[in-house]
Amino acid sequence: MYSWRRMRERLFKITVFGVAILALTPLFHLIIVVFINGLPTILEAGLEFIVDLPPTPLSQRLGGIAPSLVGTFLMTMISLPITIVLGLFTAILVTEFPKSRLSIVVDTVAKSLSSVPTIAVSMAVFSLVVVLVNTIPELRAFLNPAGSALTGSFALVIIALPFSYTYFSTFLRSVPATYKEAAYSIGMSRWAVIVRVVIPVVKKSILVAVLMTMARIMGETAALFFTAGRYRNGVPTSITGPVDAVPLLIFDYILSPFEVWHKVAWGATLILLLFYILIFSVVKIVVKEVKLV
């Protein structure tokens, strides 16, 4: 009986280990392929790869992805704070006032937005913003009709908001009810409890939500198809002008018939992957420190 039980335990461990390896194989394969194809490009181009302009289709030199990198960081810096503020406040509304009609509507809208295709968001923003700019001369003098960092950021906010809302609401609901009850028992108001008790308890979890939202924004492609402008002839200097993004460059270049663009696309993919690894490493460190006493 004892040997049979040990054999079953070993069989279970082997099965779990095998399934885990099977599940992780595509991820490791993806990382290896990106490094094999992208690392030679970065080594060949050197530092110029992150500070130079993209090459022409028949160019003998690799050039770089500076416009796309700057555009990605520019739109991230615009859209991330807006997304975090809106996501946090909507999560507080829904978790702390769950029975109000407004919170029910907000929760429904947030969950609905999470299932909307990102390409549809890009088309909607193009129709509402870019086309509107083309029809109003005063706006045309302010925003580029072909797309801009602002319109791209607007689309990114719509895409990332349900994502951040889900993270924030999950973390806020994880706060033990006894913490709030203790605060209420000493006469603290509801908003004081939120600011002085709930938020401090989940502050590291909020950092995790911020980092994960940033990762989602930096990797978004379809939302920028009709809103960013795909400007690669120079580094963007204005948020009202057209910009590019690293995922957009990868998408366009990998589908092109030019070998030099394929190399640039693989190098850009490796750069983006390294950013993701860095973000997830920080998240892992923060998650280890998240404790509810």
Protein backbone atom coordinates (compact mmCIF):
# COMPACT_ATOMS: atom_id res chain seq x y z
CA MET A 1 0.00 0.00 0.00
CA TYR A 2 2.79 2.40 0.93
CA SER A 3 4.77 1.71 -2.24
CA TRP A 4 1.65 2.18 -4.37
CA ARG A 5 0.98 5.54 -2.69
CA ARG A 6 4.56 6.67 -3.29
CA MET A 7 4.33 5.58 -6.90
CA ARG A 8 1.14 7.59 -7.40
CA GLU A 9 2.77 10.66 -5.85
CA ARG A 10 5.78 10.32 -8.13
CA LEU A 11 3.54 9.79 -11.14
CA PHE A 12 1.57 12.91 -10.22
CA LYS A 13 4.77 14.97 -9.85
CA ILE A 14 6.11 13.72 -13.18
CA THR A 15 2.81 14.54 -14.87
CA VAL A 16 2.69 18.05 -13.42
CA PHE A 17 6.34 18.65 -14.33
CA GLY A 18 5.77 17.39 -17.87
CA VAL A 19 2.68 19.53 -18.39
CA ALA A 20 4.56 22.57 -17.06
CA ILE A 21 7.41 21.98 -19.50
CA LEU A 22 4.92 21.51 -22.32
CA ALA A 23 3.19 24.77 -21.43
CA LEU A 24 6.45 26.72 -21.19
CA THR A 25 7.97 25.31 -24.39
CA PRO A 26 6.27 27.85 -26.73
CA LEU A 27 7.43 30.71 -24.49
CA PHE A 28 11.03 29.51 -24.43
CA HIS A 29 10.88 28.87 -28.17
CA LEU A 30 9.66 32.43 -28.73
CA ILE A 31 12.43 33.94 -26.61
CA ILE A 32 15.13 31.82 -28.26
CA VAL A 33 13.94 32.65 -31.79
CA VAL A 34 13.83 36.38 -31.01
CA PHE A 35 17.34 36.31 -29.55
CA ILE A 36 18.75 34.25 -32.44
CA ASN A 37 17.31 36.62 -35.06
CA GLY A 38 17.51 39.92 -33.18
CA LEU A 39 20.85 39.78 -31.40
CA PRO A 40 22.99 39.73 -34.60
CA THR A 41 21.16 42.85 -35.79
CA ILE A 42 21.84 44.75 -32.58
CA LEU A 43 25.47 43.61 -32.47
CA GLU A 44 25.99 44.66 -36.08
CA ALA A 45 24.33 48.06 -35.71
CA GLY A 46 25.65 48.80 -32.23
CA LEU A 47 24.46 51.86 -30.36
CA GLU A 48 23.24 53.39 -33.62
CA PHE A 49 20.32 50.98 -33.54
CA ILE A 50 18.60 53.00 -30.82
CA VAL A 51 19.68 56.49 -31.93
CA ASP A 52 19.59 56.33 -35.75
CA LEU A 53 16.75 56.58 -38.28
CA PRO A 54 15.37 53.47 -40.03
CA PRO A 55 17.11 52.40 -43.24
CA THR A 56 15.71 52.75 -46.74
CA PRO A 57 14.57 49.49 -48.38
CA LEU A 58 17.76 49.15 -50.46
CA SER A 59 20.16 50.51 -47.86
CA GLN A 60 23.34 48.60 -47.05
CA ARG A 61 23.36 49.81 -43.43
CA LEU A 62 20.87 48.80 -40.76
CA GLY A 63 20.15 52.23 -39.34
CA GLY A 64 18.04 52.29 -36.19
CA ILE A 65 14.62 52.63 -34.61
CA ALA A 66 14.98 55.97 -32.82
CA PRO A 67 11.68 57.49 -34.12
CA SER A 68 9.75 54.40 -33.06
CA LEU A 69 11.38 54.25 -29.63
CA VAL A 70 10.74 57.93 -28.95
CA GLY A 71 7.16 57.62 -30.21
CA THR A 72 6.51 54.60 -27.99
CA PHE A 73 7.84 56.32 -24.88
CA LEU A 74 6.06 59.56 -25.74
CA MET A 75 2.65 57.91 -26.08
CA THR A 76 3.32 55.79 -22.99
CA MET A 77 4.13 58.85 -20.90
CA ILE A 78 0.92 60.54 -22.09
CA SER A 79 -1.48 57.62 -21.81
CA LEU A 80 -0.13 55.83 -18.71
CA PRO A 81 -0.88 58.55 -16.09
CA ILE A 82 -4.36 59.10 -17.52
CA THR A 83 -5.07 55.37 -17.53
CA ILE A 84 -3.78 54.89 -13.99
CA VAL A 85 -5.81 57.78 -12.56
CA LEU A 86 -9.03 56.76 -14.32
CA GLY A 87 -8.51 53.06 -13.56
CA LEU A 88 -7.78 53.65 -9.88
CA PHE A 89 -10.72 55.99 -9.31
CA THR A 90 -13.17 53.75 -11.16
CA ALA A 91 -11.91 50.75 -9.17
CA ILE A 92 -12.36 52.66 -5.91
CA LEU A 93 -15.87 53.66 -6.96
CA VAL A 94 -16.89 50.10 -7.82
CA THR A 95 -15.27 48.38 -4.83
CA GLU A 96 -16.21 50.90 -2.14
CA PHE A 97 -19.67 51.85 -3.46
CA PRO A 98 -20.76 48.58 -5.10
CA LYS A 99 -24.51 49.17 -4.77
CA SER A 100 -24.65 52.59 -6.40
CA ARG A 101 -26.08 52.82 -9.91
CA LEU A 102 -23.03 54.67 -11.16
CA SER A 103 -20.67 51.92 -10.02
CA ILE A 104 -22.83 49.29 -11.70
CA VAL A 105 -22.75 51.23 -14.97
CA VAL A 106 -19.00 51.84 -14.70
CA ASP A 107 -18.31 48.16 -14.01
CA THR A 108 -20.44 47.09 -16.96
CA VAL A 109 -18.79 49.57 -19.34
CA ALA A 110 -15.28 48.60 -18.19
CA LYS A 111 -15.95 44.90 -18.69
CA SER A 112 -17.51 45.59 -22.09
CA LEU A 113 -14.53 47.65 -23.25
CA SER A 114 -12.17 44.79 -22.42
CA SER A 115 -13.81 42.65 -25.11
CA VAL A 116 -13.79 45.29 -27.87
CA PRO A 117 -11.24 44.51 -30.64
CA THR A 118 -8.35 46.95 -30.52
CA ILE A 119 -8.55 47.55 -34.26
CA ALA A 120 -12.15 48.70 -33.77
CA VAL A 121 -10.96 51.21 -31.15
CA SER A 122 -8.38 52.52 -33.61
CA MET A 123 -11.04 52.96 -36.29
CA ALA A 124 -13.41 54.65 -33.84
CA VAL A 125 -10.77 57.11 -32.66
CA PHE A 126 -9.84 57.80 -36.28
CA SER A 127 -13.48 58.50 -37.14
CA LEU A 128 -14.14 60.65 -34.08
CA VAL A 129 -10.85 62.53 -33.77
CA VAL A 130 -8.80 62.42 -36.95
CA VAL A 131 -11.73 62.91 -39.31
CA LEU A 132 -13.04 65.68 -37.04
CA VAL A 133 -9.66 67.39 -37.27
CA ASN A 134 -9.85 67.28 -41.05
CA THR A 135 -13.24 68.98 -41.07
CA ILE A 136 -12.48 71.79 -38.59
CA PRO A 137 -9.72 74.18 -39.75
CA GLU A 138 -8.99 75.38 -36.22
CA LEU A 139 -8.27 71.84 -35.06
CA ARG A 140 -6.24 71.10 -38.17
CA ALA A 141 -3.80 73.81 -37.15
CA PHE A 142 -3.38 72.10 -33.78
CA LEU A 143 -3.43 68.36 -34.56
CA ASN A 144 -1.94 66.56 -37.54
CA PRO A 145 -4.80 65.04 -39.60
CA ALA A 146 -2.73 61.93 -40.35
CA GLY A 147 -2.54 61.05 -36.66
CA SER A 148 -0.50 62.22 -33.71
CA ALA A 149 0.87 61.24 -30.33
CA LEU A 150 -2.28 62.64 -28.72
CA THR A 151 -4.71 60.65 -30.86
CA GLY A 152 -2.60 57.52 -30.47
CA SER A 153 -2.51 58.04 -26.71
CA PHE A 154 -6.29 58.50 -26.67
CA ALA A 155 -6.71 55.10 -28.31
CA LEU A 156 -4.21 53.53 -25.90
CA VAL A 157 -6.13 54.90 -22.90
CA ILE A 158 -9.33 53.27 -24.15
CA ILE A 159 -7.52 49.95 -24.63
CA ALA A 160 -5.59 49.95 -21.36
CA LEU A 161 -8.30 51.35 -19.07
CA PRO A 162 -10.26 48.07 -18.62
CA PHE A 163 -6.94 46.31 -18.05
CA SER A 164 -5.83 48.66 -15.27
CA TYR A 165 -9.35 48.75 -13.79
CA THR A 166 -9.34 44.96 -13.45
CA TYR A 167 -5.99 44.97 -11.67
CA PHE A 168 -6.91 47.80 -9.33
CA SER A 169 -10.32 46.39 -8.42
CA THR A 170 -8.81 42.96 -7.73
CA PHE A 171 -6.19 44.41 -5.42
CA LEU A 172 -8.64 46.71 -3.62
CA ARG A 173 -11.00 43.79 -2.97
CA SER A 174 -8.11 41.85 -1.41
CA VAL A 175 -7.94 44.23 1.57
CA PRO A 176 -9.39 42.40 4.61
CA ALA A 177 -12.74 43.77 5.78
CA THR A 178 -11.43 43.80 9.36
CA TYR A 179 -9.01 46.60 8.42
CA LYS A 180 -11.88 48.80 7.28
CA GLU A 181 -14.08 47.86 10.22
CA ALA A 182 -11.33 48.82 12.65
CA ALA A 183 -10.94 52.19 10.94
CA TYR A 184 -14.68 52.83 10.97
CA SER A 185 -14.85 51.91 14.65
CA ILE A 186 -12.56 54.83 15.56
CA GLY A 187 -14.71 57.29 13.63
CA MET A 188 -12.88 57.57 10.30
CA SER A 189 -14.95 58.59 7.29
CA ARG A 190 -15.22 56.39 4.21
CA TRP A 191 -12.85 58.51 2.15
CA ALA A 192 -10.39 58.66 5.05
CA VAL A 193 -10.46 54.87 5.22
CA ILE A 194 -9.76 54.66 1.49
CA VAL A 195 -6.89 57.14 1.58
CA ARG A 196 -5.30 56.19 4.92
CA VAL A 197 -6.02 52.47 5.15
CA VAL A 198 -6.93 50.82 1.84
CA ILE A 199 -4.45 52.58 -0.47
CA PRO A 200 -1.42 52.17 1.87
CA VAL A 201 -2.17 48.46 2.29
CA VAL A 202 -2.18 47.82 -1.48
CA LYS A 203 0.41 50.42 -2.51
CA LYS A 204 2.86 47.80 -3.80
CA SER A 205 0.07 46.01 -5.60
CA ILE A 206 -0.80 49.34 -7.21
CA LEU A 207 2.79 49.52 -8.45
CA VAL A 208 2.32 46.08 -10.00
CA ALA A 209 -0.83 47.32 -11.75
CA VAL A 210 1.03 50.37 -13.05
CA LEU A 211 3.87 48.26 -14.46
CA MET A 212 1.51 45.74 -16.07
CA THR A 213 -0.53 48.54 -17.62
CA MET A 214 2.65 50.10 -18.98
CA ALA A 215 3.63 46.77 -20.52
CA ARG A 216 0.22 46.53 -22.19
CA ILE A 217 0.49 50.06 -23.58
CA MET A 218 4.03 49.62 -24.90
CA GLY A 219 3.14 46.42 -26.74
CA GLU A 220 -0.10 47.61 -28.34
CA THR A 221 -0.19 47.59 -32.15
CA ALA A 222 -3.68 47.57 -33.66
CA ALA A 223 -4.87 50.56 -31.61
CA LEU A 224 -2.26 52.71 -33.40
CA PHE A 225 -2.96 51.62 -36.98
CA PHE A 226 -5.08 54.67 -37.81
CA THR A 227 -4.15 57.03 -34.99
CA ALA A 228 -0.37 57.42 -34.64
CA GLY A 229 0.69 58.44 -38.14
CA ARG A 230 3.66 56.07 -38.70
CA TYR A 231 6.21 58.91 -38.91
CA ARG A 232 9.71 57.44 -39.30
CA ASN A 233 11.60 60.17 -41.16
CA GLY A 234 12.75 61.83 -37.96
CA VAL A 235 12.44 61.85 -34.20
CA PRO A 236 9.07 63.33 -33.13
CA THR A 237 9.33 66.67 -31.40
CA SER A 238 5.66 67.43 -30.73
CA ILE A 239 2.74 65.54 -29.24
CA THR A 240 0.45 67.07 -31.87
CA GLY A 241 2.45 65.68 -34.78
CA PRO A 242 2.57 62.15 -36.24
CA VAL A 243 4.66 59.55 -34.43
CA ASP A 244 5.61 55.91 -34.77
CA ALA A 245 5.74 53.02 -32.31
CA VAL A 246 8.01 49.99 -32.04
CA PRO A 247 5.17 47.44 -32.48
CA LEU A 248 3.98 49.32 -35.60
CA LEU A 249 7.47 49.28 -37.08
CA ILE A 250 7.80 45.55 -36.38
CA PHE A 251 4.44 44.85 -38.02
CA ASP A 252 5.20 46.88 -41.15
CA TYR A 253 8.80 45.78 -41.61
CA ILE A 254 8.32 42.05 -41.05
CA LEU A 255 5.63 42.01 -43.78
CA SER A 256 7.85 43.84 -46.26
CA PRO A 257 9.90 42.02 -48.95
CA PHE A 258 13.15 43.77 -47.98
CA GLU A 259 15.78 41.84 -46.04
CA VAL A 260 17.22 44.89 -44.29
CA TRP A 261 13.79 45.72 -42.90
CA HIS A 262 13.41 42.14 -41.69
CA LYS A 263 16.65 42.51 -39.73
CA VAL A 264 15.47 45.79 -38.22
CA ALA A 265 12.15 44.19 -37.27
CA TRP A 266 13.91 41.35 -35.43
CA GLY A 267 16.21 43.79 -33.65
CA ALA A 268 13.24 45.94 -32.61
CA THR A 269 11.45 42.82 -31.38
CA LEU A 270 14.41 41.96 -29.17
CA ILE A 271 14.50 45.50 -27.76
CA LEU A 272 10.78 45.27 -26.94
CA LEU A 273 11.24 41.83 -25.42
CA LEU A 274 14.05 43.10 -23.18
CA PHE A 275 11.78 45.90 -21.96
CA TYR A 276 9.12 43.32 -21.12
CA ILE A 277 11.60 41.11 -19.29
CA LEU A 278 12.74 44.13 -17.27
CA ILE A 279 9.16 45.11 -16.39
CA PHE A 280 8.16 41.57 -15.40
CA SER A 281 11.34 41.17 -13.33
CA VAL A 282 10.45 44.28 -11.35
CA VAL A 283 6.87 42.99 -10.98
CA LYS A 284 8.20 39.68 -9.67
CA ILE A 285 10.33 41.46 -7.07
CA VAL A 286 7.43 43.65 -5.97
CA VAL A 287 4.98 40.72 -5.81
CA LYS A 288 7.30 38.86 -3.42
CA GLU A 289 7.09 41.80 -1.03
CA VAL A 290 3.29 42.14 -1.17
CA LYS A 291 1.94 40.85 2.14
CA LEU A 292 -1.25 41.43 4.08
CA VAL A 293 -0.52 41.08 7.78
